[in-house]
């Protein structure tokens, strides 16, 4: 069955025998163009609800995350179908000289290829969005891999478009890439390095979105908000954003605080330098006076030759272990460091149960305040340069 040209269908209804050929051709082209626009709109409007209903059956709580991607997908599917329809029946819809029709056919083929490339890109975005909602997505990010696949899709799309325009086989276009391989590698150097880094990061779980990392080389100290193929974006604690090349996380060293956040506590390691001239040997009366003032010292085994620094250190360690915000399952001690020109440092080494930054700093401050006030009770003085 042969198809009839649209102009032959319209002609009887508008008095085609008496109408000027140019006007009839213009009317036919206008109807064809409006028809394509209507088909595009109907496909887009009808596709979105059906896809949403289908996805909502197994993604009930996550369909809202896909709304922007589904909107793009519907437009690109509609464009693809409209392009296919135009390629198949354009010669039965439009009236124009042969050379114009050939150019329209070429344009339709190019639009069809581009629409297909964008459709694949939309499907990848939807798959990535669904993946990001999974529990394990934070530990195994795949954004870099998705970006690489999209890059390959667009390269293939570009090759097909060029081959269509010059009317040559894609293999003919690809054969010319060997001559510019060095230039291509130079242009995509960062992308290739980023790909290798992304694979290593994902395989070894070095960094995940939401991790607190510290990269001194780039002045980054904050939370990872985006882990891409070429760059990693870090929101610093002063709310600035630092962009780091992805491969820099493999080639250079950086600190990831995730292990601390997942551990039993966050380490507190602070010291107070003690003036050596304030350290003295306690007499029996002084020890009895301290025990009367601090009954907990009775349960501590003070050495026979006990200095006020030793008594302070043992009592301070006892106080640390009694604090509810300190995790006693981890290391908890008060120790003396090597003497220096600035006195004898007494270090407080323990782990806070609360690992959030603000609360952690408050706990540290409270411990140091308490220990500084306690020094005077043991007749010790902190070393202070006047």
Protein backbone atom coordinates (compact mmCIF):
# COMPACT_ATOMS: atom_id res chain seq x y z
CA UNK A 1 0.00 0.00 0.00
CA UNK A 2 1.52 3.29 -1.10
CA UNK A 3 1.31 6.37 1.09
CA UNK A 4 -0.38 9.54 -0.14
CA UNK A 5 1.31 12.89 0.22
CA UNK A 6 -0.22 15.19 2.82
CA UNK A 7 -0.66 17.91 0.20
CA UNK A 8 -2.99 15.62 -1.79
CA UNK A 9 -5.06 15.06 1.36
CA UNK A 10 -5.33 18.76 2.21
CA UNK A 11 -5.89 20.02 -1.33
CA UNK A 12 -9.59 19.01 -1.72
CA UNK A 13 -10.52 20.72 1.59
CA UNK A 14 -8.98 24.10 0.70
CA UNK A 15 -9.84 24.29 -2.96
CA UNK A 16 -6.45 23.22 -4.16
CA UNK A 17 -7.31 23.52 -7.84
CA UNK A 18 -7.72 27.30 -7.54
CA UNK A 19 -5.11 27.95 -4.80
CA UNK A 20 -1.64 29.19 -5.67
CA UNK A 21 0.92 26.30 -5.46
CA UNK A 22 3.18 28.29 -3.08
CA UNK A 23 0.30 28.94 -0.68
CA UNK A 24 -0.76 25.29 -0.80
CA UNK A 25 2.83 24.17 -0.17
CA UNK A 26 3.16 26.62 2.74
CA UNK A 27 -0.10 25.37 4.23
CA UNK A 28 1.02 21.76 3.90
CA UNK A 29 4.37 22.49 5.54
CA UNK A 30 2.66 24.39 8.37
CA UNK A 31 0.26 21.53 9.04
CA UNK A 32 3.15 19.04 9.01
CA UNK A 33 5.20 21.13 11.42
CA UNK A 34 2.24 21.65 13.77
CA UNK A 35 1.54 17.92 13.59
CA UNK A 36 5.08 17.08 14.68
CA UNK A 37 4.90 19.56 17.56
CA UNK A 38 1.55 18.08 18.69
CA UNK A 39 2.97 14.54 18.51
CA UNK A 40 6.01 15.66 20.51
CA UNK A 41 3.79 17.27 23.18
CA UNK A 42 1.40 14.31 23.42
CA UNK A 43 4.21 11.80 23.82
CA UNK A 44 5.89 13.92 26.50
CA UNK A 45 2.69 14.57 28.45
CA UNK A 46 1.52 10.97 28.23
CA UNK A 47 4.88 9.39 29.01
CA UNK A 48 5.70 11.07 32.32
CA UNK A 49 2.63 9.85 34.31
CA UNK A 50 3.03 6.27 33.06
CA UNK A 51 6.73 6.12 33.89
CA UNK A 52 6.11 7.66 37.33
CA UNK A 53 3.34 5.13 38.05
CA UNK A 54 5.59 2.29 36.98
CA UNK A 55 8.54 3.45 39.09
CA UNK A 56 6.39 4.34 42.10
CA UNK A 57 5.47 0.66 42.48
CA UNK A 58 8.98 -0.21 43.67
CA UNK A 59 10.39 3.24 44.51
CA UNK A 60 7.55 4.66 46.58
CA UNK A 61 9.58 6.98 48.84
CA UNK A 62 12.18 7.88 46.23
CA UNK A 63 10.09 8.94 43.23
CA UNK A 64 10.48 12.62 44.21
CA UNK A 65 14.23 12.40 43.64
CA UNK A 66 13.61 11.26 40.06
CA UNK A 67 11.11 13.98 39.08
CA UNK A 68 13.66 16.28 37.34
CA UNK A 69 15.31 13.35 35.57
CA UNK A 70 11.96 11.90 34.44
CA UNK A 71 10.97 15.26 33.00
CA UNK A 72 14.15 15.33 30.90
CA UNK A 73 13.69 11.70 29.91
CA UNK A 74 10.15 12.27 28.63
CA UNK A 75 11.28 15.22 26.50
CA UNK A 76 14.15 13.26 25.00
CA UNK A 77 12.00 10.18 24.29
CA UNK A 78 9.45 12.43 22.60
CA UNK A 79 12.20 14.07 20.55
CA UNK A 80 13.57 10.66 19.54
CA UNK A 81 10.17 9.34 18.43
CA UNK A 82 9.39 12.56 16.58
CA UNK A 83 12.77 12.36 14.82
CA UNK A 84 12.18 8.75 13.80
CA UNK A 85 8.74 9.68 12.50
CA UNK A 86 10.18 12.63 10.56
CA UNK A 87 12.95 10.53 9.00
CA UNK A 88 10.45 7.89 7.89
CA UNK A 89 7.68 10.04 6.40
CA UNK A 90 9.11 13.54 5.82
CA UNK A 91 8.84 13.09 2.06
CA UNK A 92 5.10 12.56 2.49
CA UNK A 93 4.65 15.59 4.76
CA UNK A 94 6.67 18.51 3.42
CA UNK A 95 6.74 20.25 0.07
CA UNK A 96 10.12 21.68 -0.97
CA UNK A 97 12.78 21.39 -3.67
CA UNK A 98 14.80 18.18 -3.76
CA UNK A 99 17.97 19.77 -2.34
CA UNK A 100 15.97 21.24 0.57
CA UNK A 101 14.37 17.87 1.29
CA UNK A 102 17.78 16.20 1.29
CA UNK A 103 19.05 18.75 3.80
CA UNK A 104 15.95 18.24 5.94
CA UNK A 105 16.55 14.49 5.85
CA UNK A 106 20.16 15.02 6.91
CA UNK A 107 19.08 17.36 9.71
CA UNK A 108 16.52 14.83 10.91
CA UNK A 109 19.14 12.08 11.01
CA UNK A 110 21.50 14.29 13.02
CA UNK A 111 18.71 15.19 15.46
CA UNK A 112 17.84 11.50 15.75
CA UNK A 113 21.42 10.55 16.66
CA UNK A 114 21.77 13.42 19.14
CA UNK A 115 18.38 12.61 20.70
CA UNK A 116 19.44 8.99 21.16
CA UNK A 117 22.69 10.09 22.83
CA UNK A 118 20.81 12.37 25.21
CA UNK A 119 18.31 9.59 25.92
CA UNK A 120 21.11 7.24 26.99
CA UNK A 121 22.51 10.06 29.14
CA UNK A 122 19.13 10.50 30.85
CA UNK A 123 18.87 6.78 31.52
CA UNK A 124 22.33 6.85 33.11
CA UNK A 125 21.35 9.83 35.27
CA UNK A 126 18.21 8.03 36.45
CA UNK A 127 20.17 4.86 37.23
CA UNK A 128 22.75 6.91 39.13
CA UNK A 129 20.04 8.77 41.08
CA UNK A 130 18.42 5.46 42.08
CA UNK A 131 21.83 4.07 43.05
CA UNK A 132 22.57 7.09 45.25
CA UNK A 133 19.49 6.33 47.35
CA UNK A 134 20.88 2.92 48.32
CA UNK A 135 22.56 2.44 51.69
CA UNK A 136 25.87 1.31 50.23
CA UNK A 137 26.12 4.16 47.69
CA UNK A 138 27.91 6.43 50.17
CA UNK A 139 30.72 3.90 50.63
CA UNK A 140 31.04 3.01 46.92
CA UNK A 141 30.49 6.16 44.82
CA UNK A 142 30.14 5.57 41.07
CA UNK A 143 29.71 9.13 39.83
CA UNK A 144 33.12 9.09 38.14
CA UNK A 145 32.28 5.86 36.30
CA UNK A 146 28.90 7.26 35.21
CA UNK A 147 30.59 10.40 33.92
CA UNK A 148 33.07 8.28 31.95
CA UNK A 149 30.28 6.24 30.34
CA UNK A 150 28.45 9.47 29.43
CA UNK A 151 31.66 10.83 27.91
CA UNK A 152 32.02 7.70 25.79
CA UNK A 153 28.36 7.99 24.71
CA UNK A 154 28.89 11.58 23.59
CA UNK A 155 32.11 10.65 21.75
CA UNK A 156 30.26 7.91 19.85
CA UNK A 157 27.40 10.34 19.18
CA UNK A 158 29.83 12.92 17.80
CA UNK A 159 31.48 10.34 15.54
CA UNK A 160 28.09 9.24 14.18
CA UNK A 161 27.00 12.84 13.59
CA UNK A 162 30.19 13.69 11.72
CA UNK A 163 29.99 10.51 9.65
CA UNK A 164 26.38 11.32 8.76
CA UNK A 165 27.19 14.88 7.71
CA UNK A 166 30.18 13.92 5.54
CA UNK A 167 28.40 10.77 4.32
CA UNK A 168 31.26 8.48 5.31
CA UNK A 169 31.41 5.29 7.34
CA UNK A 170 32.17 5.74 11.08
CA UNK A 171 35.23 3.53 10.58
CA UNK A 172 36.54 6.14 8.14
CA UNK A 173 36.19 8.82 10.83
CA UNK A 174 37.76 6.59 13.48
CA UNK A 175 40.72 5.81 11.24
CA UNK A 176 41.75 9.45 11.45
CA UNK A 177 41.94 9.30 15.25
CA UNK A 178 45.24 7.45 15.10
CA UNK A 179 46.95 10.56 13.73
CA UNK A 180 45.74 12.69 16.64
CA UNK A 181 46.05 10.07 19.38
CA UNK A 182 48.80 12.02 21.15
CA UNK A 183 46.74 15.20 21.12
CA UNK A 184 43.68 13.29 22.36
CA UNK A 185 45.63 11.81 25.26
CA UNK A 186 46.94 15.25 26.15
CA UNK A 187 43.47 16.80 26.08
CA UNK A 188 41.93 14.01 28.14
CA UNK A 189 44.90 13.57 30.48
CA UNK A 190 42.98 14.74 33.56
CA UNK A 191 39.99 12.60 32.61
CA UNK A 192 42.14 9.48 32.26
CA UNK A 193 43.92 10.16 35.54
CA UNK A 194 40.57 10.89 37.17
CA UNK A 195 39.17 7.60 35.89
CA UNK A 196 42.04 5.60 37.35
CA UNK A 197 41.73 7.50 40.63
CA UNK A 198 37.94 6.99 40.74
CA UNK A 199 38.32 3.24 40.26
CA UNK A 200 40.93 3.02 43.03
CA UNK A 201 38.88 5.22 45.36
CA UNK A 202 35.74 3.15 44.80
CA UNK A 203 37.55 -0.21 45.02
CA UNK A 204 39.50 0.65 48.19
CA UNK A 205 36.74 2.83 49.75
CA UNK A 206 39.25 5.62 50.34
CA UNK A 207 36.75 8.50 50.21
CA UNK A 208 32.96 8.69 50.21
CA UNK A 209 30.51 11.56 50.02
CA UNK A 210 30.03 12.98 53.50
CA UNK A 211 33.52 12.05 54.74
CA UNK A 212 35.56 14.60 56.62
CA UNK A 213 38.92 14.85 54.85
CA UNK A 214 41.94 17.10 55.30
CA UNK A 215 44.21 17.83 52.32
CA UNK A 216 46.86 20.31 53.45
CA UNK A 217 48.31 20.72 49.94
CA UNK A 218 45.07 22.32 48.74
CA UNK A 219 44.03 23.89 52.04
CA UNK A 220 40.97 21.64 52.26
CA UNK A 221 39.56 20.69 55.65
CA UNK A 222 35.90 19.75 55.65
CA UNK A 223 33.18 17.48 54.30
CA UNK A 224 33.18 15.91 50.83
CA UNK A 225 30.05 17.13 49.02
CA UNK A 226 30.78 15.85 45.53
CA UNK A 227 33.04 13.09 44.25
CA UNK A 228 33.31 13.35 40.46
CA UNK A 229 35.46 12.01 37.67
CA UNK A 230 37.78 15.03 37.43
CA UNK A 231 37.25 16.91 40.70
CA UNK A 232 36.36 16.41 44.34
CA UNK A 233 34.52 19.28 46.04
CA UNK A 234 35.05 19.81 49.76
CA UNK A 235 32.95 22.16 51.88
CA UNK A 236 35.39 23.52 54.47
CA UNK A 237 34.31 24.28 58.02
CA UNK A 238 34.32 28.02 57.22
CA UNK A 239 31.70 27.24 54.52
CA UNK A 240 34.11 27.84 51.63
CA UNK A 241 34.38 25.16 48.94
CA UNK A 242 37.72 23.75 47.79
CA UNK A 243 37.99 21.88 44.48
CA UNK A 244 40.63 19.14 44.35
CA UNK A 245 41.66 17.05 41.31
CA UNK A 246 40.46 13.51 41.87
CA UNK A 247 43.83 12.01 41.00
CA UNK A 248 45.46 14.16 43.72
CA UNK A 249 43.83 11.91 46.34
CA UNK A 250 45.86 9.03 44.93
CA UNK A 251 49.12 10.79 44.09
CA UNK A 252 49.32 12.81 47.35
CA UNK A 253 48.58 12.02 50.96
CA UNK A 254 45.45 13.17 52.75
CA UNK A 255 43.74 12.53 56.07
CA UNK A 256 40.29 10.93 56.26
CA UNK A 257 38.54 11.26 59.60
CA UNK A 258 35.93 8.60 58.81
CA UNK A 259 37.66 5.98 60.97
CA UNK A 260 37.51 8.36 63.94
CA UNK A 261 33.79 9.00 63.35
CA UNK A 262 33.14 5.26 63.21
CA UNK A 263 35.32 4.46 66.24
CA UNK A 264 34.38 4.37 69.91
CA UNK A 265 35.63 7.88 70.62
CA UNK A 266 37.48 10.97 69.46
CA UNK A 267 40.92 11.48 70.92
CA UNK A 268 41.69 14.28 73.35
CA UNK A 269 45.41 15.00 73.61
CA UNK A 270 46.26 18.22 75.42
CA UNK A 271 49.02 19.15 77.85
CA UNK A 272 49.76 21.78 80.48
CA UNK A 273 53.44 22.76 81.00
CA UNK A 274 54.29 22.73 84.72
CA UNK A 275 56.85 25.08 86.23
CA UNK A 276 59.69 22.86 87.53
CA UNK A 277 60.30 25.20 90.45
CA UNK A 278 56.82 24.39 91.80
CA UNK A 279 57.46 20.64 91.97
CA UNK A 280 58.32 19.47 95.50
CA UNK A 281 58.29 16.38 97.72
CA UNK A 282 55.18 16.07 99.91
CA UNK A 283 55.48 15.53 103.64
CA UNK A 284 53.23 13.17 105.54
CA UNK A 285 51.17 16.09 106.85
CA UNK A 286 50.72 17.49 103.35
CA UNK A 287 49.61 14.09 102.03
CA UNK A 288 47.09 13.75 104.89
CA UNK A 289 45.81 17.25 104.17
CA UNK A 290 45.34 16.41 100.48
CA UNK A 291 43.58 13.15 101.34
CA UNK A 292 41.24 15.04 103.62
CA UNK A 293 40.49 17.55 100.88
CA UNK A 294 40.25 14.90 98.12
CA UNK A 295 39.00 11.61 99.65
CA UNK A 296 39.53 9.75 96.37
CA UNK A 297 43.29 9.91 97.02
CA UNK A 298 42.79 7.36 99.83
CA UNK A 299 41.91 4.73 97.23
CA UNK A 300 44.93 5.60 95.10
CA UNK A 301 48.27 4.00 95.89
CA UNK A 302 50.55 6.97 96.29
CA UNK A 303 54.25 6.10 96.41
CA UNK A 304 56.14 6.55 99.68
CA UNK A 305 58.31 9.28 98.16
CA UNK A 306 55.48 11.22 96.56
CA UNK A 307 55.78 14.61 94.89
CA UNK A 308 52.94 17.04 94.45
CA UNK A 309 53.20 16.46 90.66
CA UNK A 310 52.79 12.70 91.10
CA UNK A 311 49.76 13.18 93.37
CA UNK A 312 48.23 15.63 90.90
CA UNK A 313 48.83 13.30 87.94
CA UNK A 314 47.26 10.29 89.68
CA UNK A 315 44.27 12.30 90.92
CA UNK A 316 43.78 13.93 87.50
CA UNK A 317 43.70 10.50 85.85
CA UNK A 318 41.13 9.37 88.41
CA UNK A 319 38.95 12.41 87.60
CA UNK A 320 39.18 11.76 83.86
CA UNK A 321 37.92 8.21 84.31
CA UNK A 322 34.97 9.46 86.35
CA UNK A 323 33.75 11.89 83.71
CA UNK A 324 30.64 10.47 81.92
CA UNK A 325 31.62 11.99 78.56
CA UNK A 326 34.93 10.06 78.50
CA UNK A 327 35.00 6.54 77.04
CA UNK A 328 36.94 4.50 79.57
CA UNK A 329 37.04 1.50 77.23
CA UNK A 330 39.64 3.41 75.23
CA UNK A 331 43.04 4.55 76.50
CA UNK A 332 42.72 7.05 79.34
CA UNK A 333 45.78 8.36 81.15
CA UNK A 334 47.64 11.41 82.44
CA UNK A 335 51.35 11.26 81.71
CA UNK A 336 54.48 13.39 81.93
CA UNK A 337 56.38 14.24 78.76
CA UNK A 338 60.06 15.01 78.46
CA UNK A 339 61.09 18.19 80.31
CA UNK A 340 61.96 21.18 78.13
CA UNK A 341 62.81 24.86 78.43
CA UNK A 342 59.10 25.42 78.99
CA UNK A 343 58.73 23.17 82.02
CA UNK A 344 57.40 19.64 82.39
CA UNK A 345 54.41 18.99 80.10
CA UNK A 346 51.63 16.99 81.76
CA UNK A 347 49.50 15.44 79.02
CA UNK A 348 45.85 14.43 79.30
CA UNK A 349 45.21 11.55 76.89
CA UNK A 350 41.69 10.16 76.58
CA UNK A 351 38.77 9.69 74.16
CA UNK A 352 35.50 11.60 74.08
CA UNK A 353 32.29 9.64 73.48
CA UNK A 354 30.78 12.61 71.65
CA UNK A 355 32.58 13.06 68.33
CA UNK A 356 30.75 16.12 67.00
CA UNK A 357 33.12 19.07 66.66
CA UNK A 358 31.41 21.64 68.88
CA UNK A 359 30.69 19.24 71.76
CA UNK A 360 34.18 17.76 71.48
CA UNK A 361 35.81 21.18 71.82
CA UNK A 362 33.63 22.00 74.84
CA UNK A 363 34.63 18.75 76.54
CA UNK A 364 38.31 19.52 75.95
CA UNK A 365 37.92 23.02 77.32
CA UNK A 366 36.07 21.80 80.44
CA UNK A 367 38.80 19.25 81.18
CA UNK A 368 41.61 21.80 80.85
CA UNK A 369 39.73 24.35 82.95
CA UNK A 370 39.23 21.82 85.71
CA UNK A 371 42.88 20.74 85.63
CA UNK A 372 44.19 24.32 85.66
CA UNK A 373 42.09 25.11 88.74
CA UNK A 374 43.25 21.90 90.40
CA UNK A 375 46.94 22.79 90.03
CA UNK A 376 46.75 25.39 92.75
CA UNK A 377 45.39 22.81 95.21
CA UNK A 378 48.58 20.78 94.75
CA UNK A 379 50.76 23.91 94.94
CA UNK A 380 51.78 23.57 91.29
CA UNK A 381 52.16 26.42 88.83
CA UNK A 382 51.72 26.28 85.05
CA UNK A 383 54.71 27.52 83.11
CA UNK A 384 53.89 30.89 81.61
CA UNK A 385 56.26 33.28 79.83
CA UNK A 386 55.66 36.77 81.13
